[in-house]
Structure formats: C-alpha cells, structure tokens
C-alpha cells in the first residue's frame, strides 16, 4: 500500500480501517474508525487536508483531493461509489455518492444527500439534506425516504464489516 508523508504532512489512519495495498494515501489525510478504502483509491492531502469520518467507504478507483490550504470533508457513514471524484467539497454524514460521479470545489452534499451515478455537482452548488441529485449538472429531483435509509444503512454496514473482514481474510495468491 502506498501511504506517504509529504513534506511535513503525514496521514493519520485509525488502526481499525482497511486500506487496500493498491491505493495511495498522501499527506494530510485523516481517516476515522472502521473505514474501507478500496483498491486503486487515491486520496491526496499534499497541499490541503482530507478528513474522512468513521465507518465511511471509499470504493475502487475513487479520487479525493483538497484545494490548497482547504479541507475536503467526508462525514461519517458515507458511501463513495466506484470511480467517483471528490475535489474540495464537503460531504455530510450518511450521504451516498454514486459510481462515476463528481463533486467539485466548494460543493456540499447534505446529510443523507444522494448524488446519482455519473452526476456532476458543480462548484459551489449544494445537494440539500435528504435530497437526491442526478444529471450533468446535477439537479435535485427527489428526496430520500425511510425505505431508502434502511436499505442504504444495510449496504453501508457491509462495507463497515469489510474493514475488518479484508484485514483478516484477504490473501494474495501469486501465480506463475
């Protein structure tokens, strides 16, 4: 795994978090408890700070970066889908960021907010608490209900358990 300090900036990753050996964590990156950082994820705090809250998952091939002297904040219980990009944004607790989506500079996704697959939340735009946003540029088209919260709480629990299941059960198989 590529965990690197950069100049005077060093990652702080809770011991209960799983970080894939093929991901890179660089600089001032703070990752909470029971998080899952999937293969190919790139999280850079080289000239800004990235904060990821407890029980969040950053799936395969995601990119998370902070602007100079700014923070990119990912709350607790957040799910960031495969291949998403988060740059200089603020994602509140329990949000779901769909596969291949982009959340750009100074954008905000509220508590239980949803960014649909492939959507682009452009700079300085906001997805409100419990809002569902889709499209390019992303537009709010609905709101999260209790069934959605129950279903996504179960999905997020799977990734939380992967934080320790991968640590205990992942075995490299070399083949000739």
N, C-alpha and C. Protein backbone atom coordinates (compact mmCIF):
# COMPACT_ATOMS: atom_id res chain seq x y z
N UNK A 1 0.86 -1.17 0.00
CA UNK A 1 0.00 0.00 0.00
C UNK A 1 0.89 1.22 0.00
N UNK A 2 0.42 2.27 -0.62
CA UNK A 2 1.19 3.50 -0.69
C UNK A 2 0.67 4.53 0.28
N UNK A 3 1.22 4.53 1.49
CA UNK A 3 0.89 5.56 2.47
C UNK A 3 2.14 6.41 2.62
N UNK A 4 2.01 7.70 2.25
CA UNK A 4 3.17 8.56 2.16
C UNK A 4 2.99 9.85 2.95
N UNK A 5 4.07 10.24 3.61
CA UNK A 5 4.10 11.61 4.12
C UNK A 5 4.60 12.48 2.97
N UNK A 6 4.26 13.76 3.04
CA UNK A 6 4.73 14.71 2.04
C UNK A 6 5.12 15.98 2.78
N UNK A 7 6.42 16.31 2.69
CA UNK A 7 6.96 17.43 3.44
C UNK A 7 6.59 17.24 4.92
N UNK A 8 5.88 18.16 5.53
CA UNK A 8 5.54 17.99 6.95
C UNK A 8 4.13 17.45 7.15
N UNK A 9 3.55 16.85 6.13
CA UNK A 9 2.17 16.34 6.19
C UNK A 9 2.20 14.81 6.17
N UNK A 10 1.56 14.20 7.17
CA UNK A 10 1.54 12.74 7.23
C UNK A 10 0.11 12.24 7.47
N UNK A 11 -0.25 11.13 6.83
CA UNK A 11 -1.58 10.56 7.04
C UNK A 11 -1.76 10.06 8.49
N UNK A 12 -3.01 10.14 8.95
CA UNK A 12 -3.41 9.56 10.24
C UNK A 12 -4.61 8.67 9.96
N UNK A 13 -4.38 7.38 10.09
CA UNK A 13 -5.39 6.38 9.73
C UNK A 13 -5.65 5.50 10.95
N UNK A 14 -6.91 5.41 11.37
CA UNK A 14 -7.24 4.59 12.53
C UNK A 14 -6.90 3.13 12.24
N UNK A 15 -6.42 2.45 13.26
CA UNK A 15 -5.96 1.06 13.09
C UNK A 15 -7.07 0.11 12.66
N UNK A 16 -8.33 0.44 12.89
CA UNK A 16 -9.44 -0.44 12.51
C UNK A 16 -9.85 -0.26 11.04
N UNK A 17 -9.24 0.68 10.36
CA UNK A 17 -9.57 0.96 8.96
C UNK A 17 -8.77 0.05 8.04
N UNK A 18 -9.43 -0.42 6.97
CA UNK A 18 -8.76 -1.19 5.94
C UNK A 18 -8.38 -0.26 4.80
N UNK A 19 -7.11 -0.32 4.40
CA UNK A 19 -6.62 0.43 3.25
C UNK A 19 -6.01 -0.58 2.28
N UNK A 20 -6.55 -0.66 1.07
CA UNK A 20 -6.05 -1.61 0.08
C UNK A 20 -4.58 -1.36 -0.25
N UNK A 21 -3.88 -2.42 -0.53
CA UNK A 21 -2.45 -2.31 -0.87
C UNK A 21 -2.24 -1.59 -2.20
N UNK A 22 -3.27 -1.48 -3.01
CA UNK A 22 -3.11 -0.79 -4.29
C UNK A 22 -3.67 0.63 -4.28
N UNK A 23 -3.98 1.14 -3.10
CA UNK A 23 -4.42 2.54 -3.00
C UNK A 23 -3.26 3.41 -2.57
N UNK A 24 -3.40 4.72 -2.74
CA UNK A 24 -2.39 5.67 -2.30
C UNK A 24 -3.02 6.70 -1.38
N UNK A 25 -2.40 6.92 -0.24
CA UNK A 25 -2.82 7.93 0.72
C UNK A 25 -1.60 8.83 0.91
N UNK A 26 -1.75 10.12 0.58
CA UNK A 26 -0.60 11.02 0.56
C UNK A 26 -0.88 12.27 1.38
N UNK A 27 0.02 12.59 2.31
CA UNK A 27 -0.03 13.86 3.03
C UNK A 27 -1.04 13.91 4.15
N UNK A 28 -1.65 15.08 4.36
CA UNK A 28 -2.54 15.33 5.49
C UNK A 28 -3.92 14.75 5.21
N UNK A 29 -4.02 13.43 5.43
CA UNK A 29 -5.26 12.69 5.25
C UNK A 29 -5.58 12.04 6.59
N UNK A 30 -6.78 12.29 7.09
CA UNK A 30 -7.21 11.74 8.38
C UNK A 30 -8.40 10.84 8.14
N UNK A 31 -8.23 9.56 8.46
CA UNK A 31 -9.28 8.58 8.20
C UNK A 31 -9.69 7.96 9.53
N UNK A 32 -10.99 7.97 9.80
CA UNK A 32 -11.56 7.50 11.07
C UNK A 32 -11.62 6.00 11.20
N UNK A 33 -12.45 5.57 12.14
CA UNK A 33 -12.59 4.16 12.51
C UNK A 33 -13.44 3.38 11.51
N UNK A 34 -13.06 2.12 11.33
CA UNK A 34 -13.83 1.15 10.56
C UNK A 34 -14.20 1.63 9.16
N UNK A 35 -13.28 2.31 8.53
CA UNK A 35 -13.48 2.74 7.14
C UNK A 35 -12.94 1.67 6.20
N UNK A 36 -13.39 1.70 4.97
CA UNK A 36 -12.92 0.81 3.92
C UNK A 36 -12.41 1.67 2.77
N UNK A 37 -11.13 1.52 2.44
CA UNK A 37 -10.52 2.24 1.33
C UNK A 37 -10.16 1.19 0.27
N UNK A 38 -10.89 1.18 -0.83
CA UNK A 38 -10.79 0.12 -1.83
C UNK A 38 -9.59 0.23 -2.74
N UNK A 39 -9.35 -0.83 -3.53
CA UNK A 39 -8.24 -0.85 -4.46
C UNK A 39 -8.29 0.32 -5.44
N UNK A 40 -7.13 0.90 -5.70
CA UNK A 40 -6.99 1.96 -6.68
C UNK A 40 -7.43 3.33 -6.19
N UNK A 41 -7.91 3.45 -4.97
CA UNK A 41 -8.32 4.77 -4.46
C UNK A 41 -7.08 5.65 -4.31
N UNK A 42 -7.23 6.93 -4.63
CA UNK A 42 -6.16 7.91 -4.48
C UNK A 42 -6.69 9.05 -3.63
N UNK A 43 -6.10 9.23 -2.45
CA UNK A 43 -6.54 10.27 -1.52
C UNK A 43 -5.34 11.13 -1.20
N UNK A 44 -5.41 12.42 -1.62
CA UNK A 44 -4.23 13.29 -1.51
C UNK A 44 -4.52 14.52 -0.66
N UNK A 45 -3.69 14.67 0.37
CA UNK A 45 -3.67 15.88 1.18
C UNK A 45 -2.29 16.50 1.09
N UNK A 46 -1.83 16.70 -0.15
CA UNK A 46 -0.47 17.20 -0.35
C UNK A 46 -0.35 18.69 -0.07
N UNK A 47 -1.38 19.47 -0.37
CA UNK A 47 -1.34 20.89 -0.02
C UNK A 47 -2.64 21.37 0.60
N UNK A 48 -3.53 20.45 0.86
CA UNK A 48 -4.76 20.68 1.62
C UNK A 48 -4.94 19.52 2.57
N UNK A 49 -6.10 19.43 3.19
CA UNK A 49 -6.38 18.37 4.16
C UNK A 49 -7.62 17.60 3.74
N UNK A 50 -7.56 16.27 3.83
CA UNK A 50 -8.72 15.42 3.58
C UNK A 50 -9.08 14.74 4.90
N UNK A 51 -10.35 14.85 5.28
CA UNK A 51 -10.85 14.23 6.51
C UNK A 51 -11.98 13.29 6.13
N UNK A 52 -11.86 12.02 6.55
CA UNK A 52 -12.88 11.01 6.27
C UNK A 52 -13.36 10.46 7.62
N UNK A 53 -14.66 10.59 7.87
CA UNK A 53 -15.24 10.20 9.14
C UNK A 53 -15.39 8.69 9.31
N UNK A 54 -15.70 8.29 10.53
CA UNK A 54 -15.86 6.89 10.90
C UNK A 54 -16.87 6.18 10.00
N UNK A 55 -16.57 4.91 9.72
CA UNK A 55 -17.47 3.98 9.03
C UNK A 55 -17.81 4.39 7.60
N UNK A 56 -16.99 5.21 7.01
CA UNK A 56 -17.22 5.59 5.61
C UNK A 56 -16.46 4.64 4.68
N UNK A 57 -16.94 4.53 3.45
CA UNK A 57 -16.23 3.69 2.48
C UNK A 57 -15.93 4.48 1.22
N UNK A 58 -14.71 4.28 0.74
CA UNK A 58 -14.22 4.90 -0.48
C UNK A 58 -13.90 3.73 -1.40
N UNK A 59 -14.75 3.50 -2.38
CA UNK A 59 -14.65 2.30 -3.18
C UNK A 59 -13.58 2.42 -4.27
N UNK A 60 -13.48 1.39 -5.07
CA UNK A 60 -12.40 1.25 -6.03
C UNK A 60 -12.28 2.46 -6.96
N UNK A 61 -11.03 2.88 -7.16
CA UNK A 61 -10.64 3.89 -8.14
C UNK A 61 -11.24 5.27 -7.90
N UNK A 62 -11.58 5.59 -6.68
CA UNK A 62 -12.03 6.94 -6.35
C UNK A 62 -10.82 7.87 -6.23
N UNK A 63 -11.05 9.15 -6.48
CA UNK A 63 -10.03 10.18 -6.28
C UNK A 63 -10.61 11.23 -5.34
N UNK A 64 -9.87 11.51 -4.27
CA UNK A 64 -10.27 12.55 -3.31
C UNK A 64 -9.08 13.46 -3.10
N UNK A 65 -9.29 14.78 -3.28
CA UNK A 65 -8.21 15.75 -3.17
C UNK A 65 -8.75 17.01 -2.53
N UNK A 66 -7.87 17.77 -1.91
CA UNK A 66 -8.25 19.05 -1.28
C UNK A 66 -7.54 20.19 -1.99
N UNK A 67 -8.18 21.34 -2.01
CA UNK A 67 -7.58 22.54 -2.59
C UNK A 67 -6.48 23.06 -1.66
N UNK A 68 -5.59 23.92 -2.16
CA UNK A 68 -4.52 24.45 -1.31
C UNK A 68 -5.06 25.14 -0.05
N UNK A 69 -4.54 24.71 1.09
CA UNK A 69 -4.89 25.26 2.39
C UNK A 69 -6.38 25.16 2.71
N UNK A 70 -7.09 24.23 2.08
CA UNK A 70 -8.52 24.00 2.30
C UNK A 70 -8.71 22.56 2.78
N UNK A 71 -9.95 22.24 3.16
CA UNK A 71 -10.29 20.89 3.58
C UNK A 71 -11.33 20.29 2.65
N UNK A 72 -11.15 19.03 2.36
CA UNK A 72 -12.20 18.20 1.77
C UNK A 72 -12.68 17.33 2.92
N UNK A 73 -13.97 17.38 3.21
CA UNK A 73 -14.50 16.67 4.37
C UNK A 73 -15.54 15.66 3.91
N UNK A 74 -15.33 14.42 4.33
CA UNK A 74 -16.27 13.33 4.11
C UNK A 74 -16.76 12.95 5.51
N UNK A 75 -18.06 13.02 5.75
CA UNK A 75 -18.61 12.74 7.08
C UNK A 75 -18.56 11.27 7.46
N UNK A 76 -19.33 10.93 8.48
CA UNK A 76 -19.43 9.54 8.95
C UNK A 76 -20.50 8.80 8.16
N UNK A 77 -20.29 7.49 7.99
CA UNK A 77 -21.25 6.61 7.31
C UNK A 77 -21.53 7.04 5.88
N UNK A 78 -20.53 7.56 5.21
CA UNK A 78 -20.69 7.98 3.82
C UNK A 78 -20.22 6.86 2.91
N UNK A 79 -20.93 6.68 1.80
CA UNK A 79 -20.53 5.71 0.80
C UNK A 79 -20.17 6.46 -0.48
N UNK A 80 -18.93 6.26 -0.94
CA UNK A 80 -18.45 6.90 -2.16
C UNK A 80 -18.24 5.79 -3.19
N UNK A 81 -19.10 5.76 -4.20
CA UNK A 81 -19.14 4.68 -5.18
C UNK A 81 -17.92 4.62 -6.08
N UNK A 82 -17.77 3.48 -6.71
CA UNK A 82 -16.64 3.17 -7.59
C UNK A 82 -16.38 4.31 -8.58
N UNK A 83 -15.14 4.76 -8.62
CA UNK A 83 -14.70 5.72 -9.62
C UNK A 83 -15.17 7.15 -9.42
N UNK A 84 -15.72 7.48 -8.26
CA UNK A 84 -16.16 8.86 -8.02
C UNK A 84 -14.97 9.77 -7.75
N UNK A 85 -15.18 11.08 -7.99
CA UNK A 85 -14.17 12.09 -7.73
C UNK A 85 -14.76 13.12 -6.77
N UNK A 86 -14.06 13.37 -5.68
CA UNK A 86 -14.45 14.40 -4.71
C UNK A 86 -13.29 15.37 -4.63
N UNK A 87 -13.53 16.64 -4.98
CA UNK A 87 -12.44 17.61 -5.01
C UNK A 87 -12.87 18.89 -4.30
N UNK A 88 -12.28 19.13 -3.14
CA UNK A 88 -12.52 20.38 -2.43
C UNK A 88 -13.96 20.55 -1.97
N UNK A 89 -14.65 19.48 -1.69
CA UNK A 89 -16.07 19.52 -1.35
C UNK A 89 -16.30 19.10 0.10
N UNK A 90 -17.56 19.25 0.53
CA UNK A 90 -17.98 18.84 1.88
C UNK A 90 -19.15 17.88 1.73
N UNK A 91 -18.96 16.65 2.24
CA UNK A 91 -19.99 15.61 2.18
C UNK A 91 -20.42 15.32 3.61
N UNK A 92 -21.70 15.59 3.94
CA UNK A 92 -22.19 15.38 5.31
C UNK A 92 -22.43 13.90 5.60
N UNK A 93 -22.68 13.61 6.87
CA UNK A 93 -22.91 12.25 7.35
C UNK A 93 -24.02 11.55 6.55
N UNK A 94 -23.84 10.25 6.38
CA UNK A 94 -24.83 9.34 5.80
C UNK A 94 -25.09 9.55 4.31
N UNK A 95 -24.35 10.43 3.65
CA UNK A 95 -24.56 10.68 2.22
C UNK A 95 -24.12 9.48 1.39
N UNK A 96 -24.65 9.42 0.17
CA UNK A 96 -24.27 8.40 -0.79
C UNK A 96 -23.87 9.10 -2.08
N UNK A 97 -22.65 8.83 -2.53
CA UNK A 97 -22.12 9.42 -3.75
C UNK A 97 -22.02 8.29 -4.77
N UNK A 98 -22.78 8.40 -5.85
CA UNK A 98 -22.89 7.32 -6.83
C UNK A 98 -21.63 7.08 -7.64
N UNK A 99 -21.59 5.90 -8.25
CA UNK A 99 -20.46 5.50 -9.08
C UNK A 99 -20.22 6.51 -10.20
N UNK A 100 -18.95 6.84 -10.39
CA UNK A 100 -18.56 7.69 -11.50
C UNK A 100 -19.01 9.14 -11.39
N UNK A 101 -19.50 9.54 -10.25
CA UNK A 101 -19.96 10.92 -10.10
C UNK A 101 -18.80 11.84 -9.70
N UNK A 102 -19.05 13.14 -9.81
CA UNK A 102 -18.05 14.16 -9.46
C UNK A 102 -18.71 15.17 -8.54
N UNK A 103 -18.05 15.48 -7.43
CA UNK A 103 -18.48 16.56 -6.54
C UNK A 103 -17.32 17.53 -6.48
N UNK A 104 -17.52 18.74 -7.00
CA UNK A 104 -16.43 19.66 -7.26
C UNK A 104 -16.24 20.71 -6.16
N UNK A 105 -15.29 21.59 -6.39
CA UNK A 105 -14.83 22.58 -5.42
C UNK A 105 -15.97 23.36 -4.76
N UNK A 106 -15.91 23.40 -3.43
CA UNK A 106 -16.82 24.17 -2.58
C UNK A 106 -18.27 23.69 -2.66
N UNK A 107 -18.52 22.56 -3.33
CA UNK A 107 -19.87 21.99 -3.35
C UNK A 107 -20.14 21.32 -2.01
N UNK A 108 -21.42 21.14 -1.72
CA UNK A 108 -21.81 20.49 -0.46
C UNK A 108 -22.93 19.51 -0.73
N UNK A 109 -22.80 18.33 -0.11
CA UNK A 109 -23.86 17.33 -0.13
C UNK A 109 -24.31 17.17 1.32
N UNK A 110 -25.60 17.42 1.57
CA UNK A 110 -26.14 17.41 2.92
C UNK A 110 -26.30 16.02 3.51
N UNK A 111 -26.71 15.99 4.76
CA UNK A 111 -26.94 14.73 5.50
C UNK A 111 -27.96 13.88 4.75
N UNK A 112 -27.62 12.63 4.52
CA UNK A 112 -28.43 11.68 3.76
C UNK A 112 -28.64 12.13 2.32
N UNK A 113 -27.84 13.10 1.84
CA UNK A 113 -27.94 13.51 0.45
C UNK A 113 -27.44 12.41 -0.47
N UNK A 114 -27.97 12.40 -1.69
CA UNK A 114 -27.58 11.39 -2.68
C UNK A 114 -27.18 12.08 -3.97
N UNK A 115 -26.02 11.68 -4.50
CA UNK A 115 -25.58 12.11 -5.82
C UNK A 115 -25.64 10.86 -6.69
N UNK A 116 -26.50 10.88 -7.69
CA UNK A 116 -26.70 9.70 -8.54
C UNK A 116 -25.47 9.36 -9.37
N UNK A 117 -25.48 8.14 -9.89
CA UNK A 117 -24.37 7.65 -10.71
C UNK A 117 -24.10 8.60 -11.87
N UNK A 118 -22.84 8.95 -12.07
CA UNK A 118 -22.43 9.77 -13.19
C UNK A 118 -22.81 11.24 -13.10
N UNK A 119 -23.43 11.65 -12.01
CA UNK A 119 -23.84 13.05 -11.87
C UNK A 119 -22.64 13.94 -11.59
N UNK A 120 -22.79 15.22 -11.87
CA UNK A 120 -21.73 16.19 -11.61
C UNK A 120 -22.32 17.33 -10.78
N UNK A 121 -21.88 17.41 -9.52
CA UNK A 121 -22.25 18.53 -8.66
C UNK A 121 -21.16 19.58 -8.87
N UNK A 122 -21.50 20.63 -9.60
CA UNK A 122 -20.51 21.63 -9.99
C UNK A 122 -20.14 22.52 -8.81
N UNK A 123 -19.07 23.27 -9.00
CA UNK A 123 -18.52 24.14 -7.96
C UNK A 123 -19.59 25.02 -7.32
N UNK A 124 -19.56 25.05 -5.98
CA UNK A 124 -20.39 25.91 -5.14
C UNK A 124 -21.88 25.55 -5.13
N UNK A 125 -22.26 24.43 -5.70
CA UNK A 125 -23.66 24.00 -5.67
C UNK A 125 -23.89 23.11 -4.46
N UNK A 126 -25.16 22.94 -4.09
CA UNK A 126 -25.49 22.18 -2.89
C UNK A 126 -26.61 21.19 -3.17
N UNK A 127 -26.42 19.98 -2.64
CA UNK A 127 -27.48 18.99 -2.57
C UNK A 127 -27.97 19.05 -1.13
N UNK A 128 -29.24 19.39 -0.89
CA UNK A 128 -29.70 19.58 0.48
C UNK A 128 -29.80 18.27 1.26
N UNK A 129 -29.96 18.38 2.57
CA UNK A 129 -30.21 17.20 3.40
C UNK A 129 -31.33 16.38 2.76
N UNK A 130 -31.08 15.09 2.61
CA UNK A 130 -32.05 14.12 2.08
C UNK A 130 -32.46 14.37 0.64
N UNK A 131 -31.73 15.24 -0.08
CA UNK A 131 -32.02 15.47 -1.49
C UNK A 131 -31.37 14.42 -2.37
N UNK A 132 -31.99 14.13 -3.49
CA UNK A 132 -31.43 13.22 -4.50
C UNK A 132 -31.16 14.05 -5.75
N UNK A 133 -29.88 14.08 -6.17
CA UNK A 133 -29.48 14.88 -7.32
C UNK A 133 -28.91 13.98 -8.41
N UNK A 134 -29.34 14.24 -9.65
CA UNK A 134 -28.86 13.47 -10.79
C UNK A 134 -28.57 14.41 -11.95
N UNK A 135 -27.79 13.92 -12.92
CA UNK A 135 -27.57 14.64 -14.16
C UNK A 135 -26.31 15.48 -14.18
N UNK A 136 -26.12 16.13 -15.35
CA UNK A 136 -24.96 16.99 -15.57
C UNK A 136 -25.47 18.31 -16.13
N UNK A 137 -25.40 19.38 -15.38
CA UNK A 137 -25.05 19.44 -13.97
C UNK A 137 -26.16 18.81 -13.12
N UNK A 138 -25.79 18.37 -11.93
CA UNK A 138 -26.74 17.69 -11.05
C UNK A 138 -27.87 18.63 -10.64
N UNK A 139 -29.07 18.08 -10.67
CA UNK A 139 -30.26 18.81 -10.23
C UNK A 139 -31.01 17.93 -9.23
N UNK A 140 -31.58 18.54 -8.20
CA UNK A 140 -32.33 17.80 -7.20
C UNK A 140 -33.66 17.37 -7.83
N UNK A 141 -33.93 16.06 -7.78
CA UNK A 141 -35.13 15.51 -8.41
C UNK A 141 -36.05 14.80 -7.43
N UNK A 142 -35.63 14.66 -6.18
CA UNK A 142 -36.46 13.96 -5.22
C UNK A 142 -35.84 14.02 -3.84
N UNK A 143 -36.42 13.24 -2.95
CA UNK A 143 -35.89 13.20 -1.59
C UNK A 143 -35.86 11.77 -1.07
N UNK A 144 -34.97 11.54 -0.14
CA UNK A 144 -34.74 10.23 0.46
C UNK A 144 -35.90 9.92 1.41
N UNK A 145 -36.40 8.67 1.34
CA UNK A 145 -37.44 8.26 2.28
C UNK A 145 -36.86 7.24 3.26
N UNK A 146 -37.68 6.79 4.18
CA UNK A 146 -37.21 5.86 5.23
C UNK A 146 -36.79 4.51 4.65
N UNK A 147 -37.46 4.04 3.60
CA UNK A 147 -37.05 2.78 2.97
C UNK A 147 -35.64 2.89 2.39
N UNK A 148 -35.35 4.02 1.75
CA UNK A 148 -34.02 4.24 1.21
C UNK A 148 -32.99 4.23 2.34
N UNK A 149 -33.27 4.92 3.43
CA UNK A 149 -32.33 4.96 4.56
C UNK A 149 -32.07 3.57 5.11
N UNK A 150 -33.11 2.77 5.24
CA UNK A 150 -32.94 1.41 5.76
C UNK A 150 -32.07 0.58 4.82
N UNK A 151 -32.39 0.63 3.52
CA UNK A 151 -31.64 -0.15 2.54
C UNK A 151 -30.17 0.28 2.52
N UNK A 152 -29.90 1.59 2.45
CA UNK A 152 -28.53 2.05 2.36
C UNK A 152 -27.77 1.89 3.67
N UNK A 153 -28.46 1.89 4.78
CA UNK A 153 -27.78 1.59 6.06
C UNK A 153 -27.25 0.17 6.04
N UNK A 154 -28.02 -0.75 5.45
CA UNK A 154 -27.58 -2.14 5.34
C UNK A 154 -26.38 -2.25 4.38
N UNK A 155 -26.42 -1.56 3.24
CA UNK A 155 -25.29 -1.60 2.31
C UNK A 155 -24.03 -1.05 2.96
N UNK A 156 -24.18 0.06 3.67
CA UNK A 156 -23.02 0.67 4.32
C UNK A 156 -22.45 -0.22 5.42
N UNK A 157 -23.32 -0.98 6.08
CA UNK A 157 -22.86 -1.92 7.10
C UNK A 157 -21.99 -3.01 6.47
N UNK A 158 -22.31 -3.42 5.26
CA UNK A 158 -21.48 -4.41 4.57
C UNK A 158 -20.06 -3.88 4.42
N UNK A 159 -19.92 -2.63 3.96
CA UNK A 159 -18.58 -2.06 3.80
C UNK A 159 -17.88 -1.87 5.14
N UNK A 160 -18.64 -1.52 6.18
CA UNK A 160 -18.02 -1.38 7.51
C UNK A 160 -17.43 -2.72 7.93
N UNK A 161 -18.17 -3.81 7.72
CA UNK A 161 -17.63 -5.12 8.10
C UNK A 161 -16.47 -5.53 7.21
N UNK A 162 -16.45 -5.05 5.97
CA UNK A 162 -15.30 -5.34 5.10
C UNK A 162 -14.02 -4.75 5.66
N UNK A 163 -14.13 -3.68 6.45
CA UNK A 163 -12.92 -3.07 7.03
C UNK A 163 -12.14 -4.09 7.86
N UNK A 164 -12.82 -4.97 8.56
CA UNK A 164 -12.08 -5.99 9.32
C UNK A 164 -12.03 -7.32 8.58
N UNK A 165 -13.04 -7.64 7.77
CA UNK A 165 -13.02 -8.90 7.05
C UNK A 165 -11.85 -8.94 6.07
N UNK A 166 -11.57 -7.84 5.37
CA UNK A 166 -10.43 -7.79 4.46
C UNK A 166 -9.13 -7.92 5.23
N UNK A 167 -9.04 -7.26 6.39
CA UNK A 167 -7.80 -7.35 7.17
C UNK A 167 -7.53 -8.79 7.59
N UNK A 168 -8.58 -9.53 7.91
CA UNK A 168 -8.42 -10.90 8.40
C UNK A 168 -8.40 -11.94 7.29
N UNK A 169 -9.14 -11.71 6.20
CA UNK A 169 -9.35 -12.78 5.24
C UNK A 169 -8.77 -12.61 3.86
N UNK A 170 -8.20 -11.45 3.56
CA UNK A 170 -7.65 -11.23 2.22
C UNK A 170 -6.28 -11.90 2.12
N UNK A 171 -6.12 -12.79 1.16
CA UNK A 171 -4.85 -13.50 0.95
C UNK A 171 -4.41 -13.32 -0.48
N UNK A 172 -3.16 -12.91 -0.66
CA UNK A 172 -2.60 -12.74 -2.00
C UNK A 172 -2.26 -14.12 -2.56
N UNK A 173 -2.70 -14.37 -3.79
CA UNK A 173 -2.38 -15.63 -4.46
C UNK A 173 -1.48 -15.32 -5.64
N UNK A 174 -0.22 -15.69 -5.53
CA UNK A 174 0.72 -15.49 -6.63
C UNK A 174 0.66 -16.67 -7.56
N UNK A 175 0.65 -16.39 -8.84
CA UNK A 175 0.60 -17.47 -9.85
C UNK A 175 1.76 -17.31 -10.80
N UNK A 176 2.27 -18.44 -11.22
CA UNK A 176 3.37 -18.44 -12.20
C UNK A 176 2.87 -18.36 -13.60
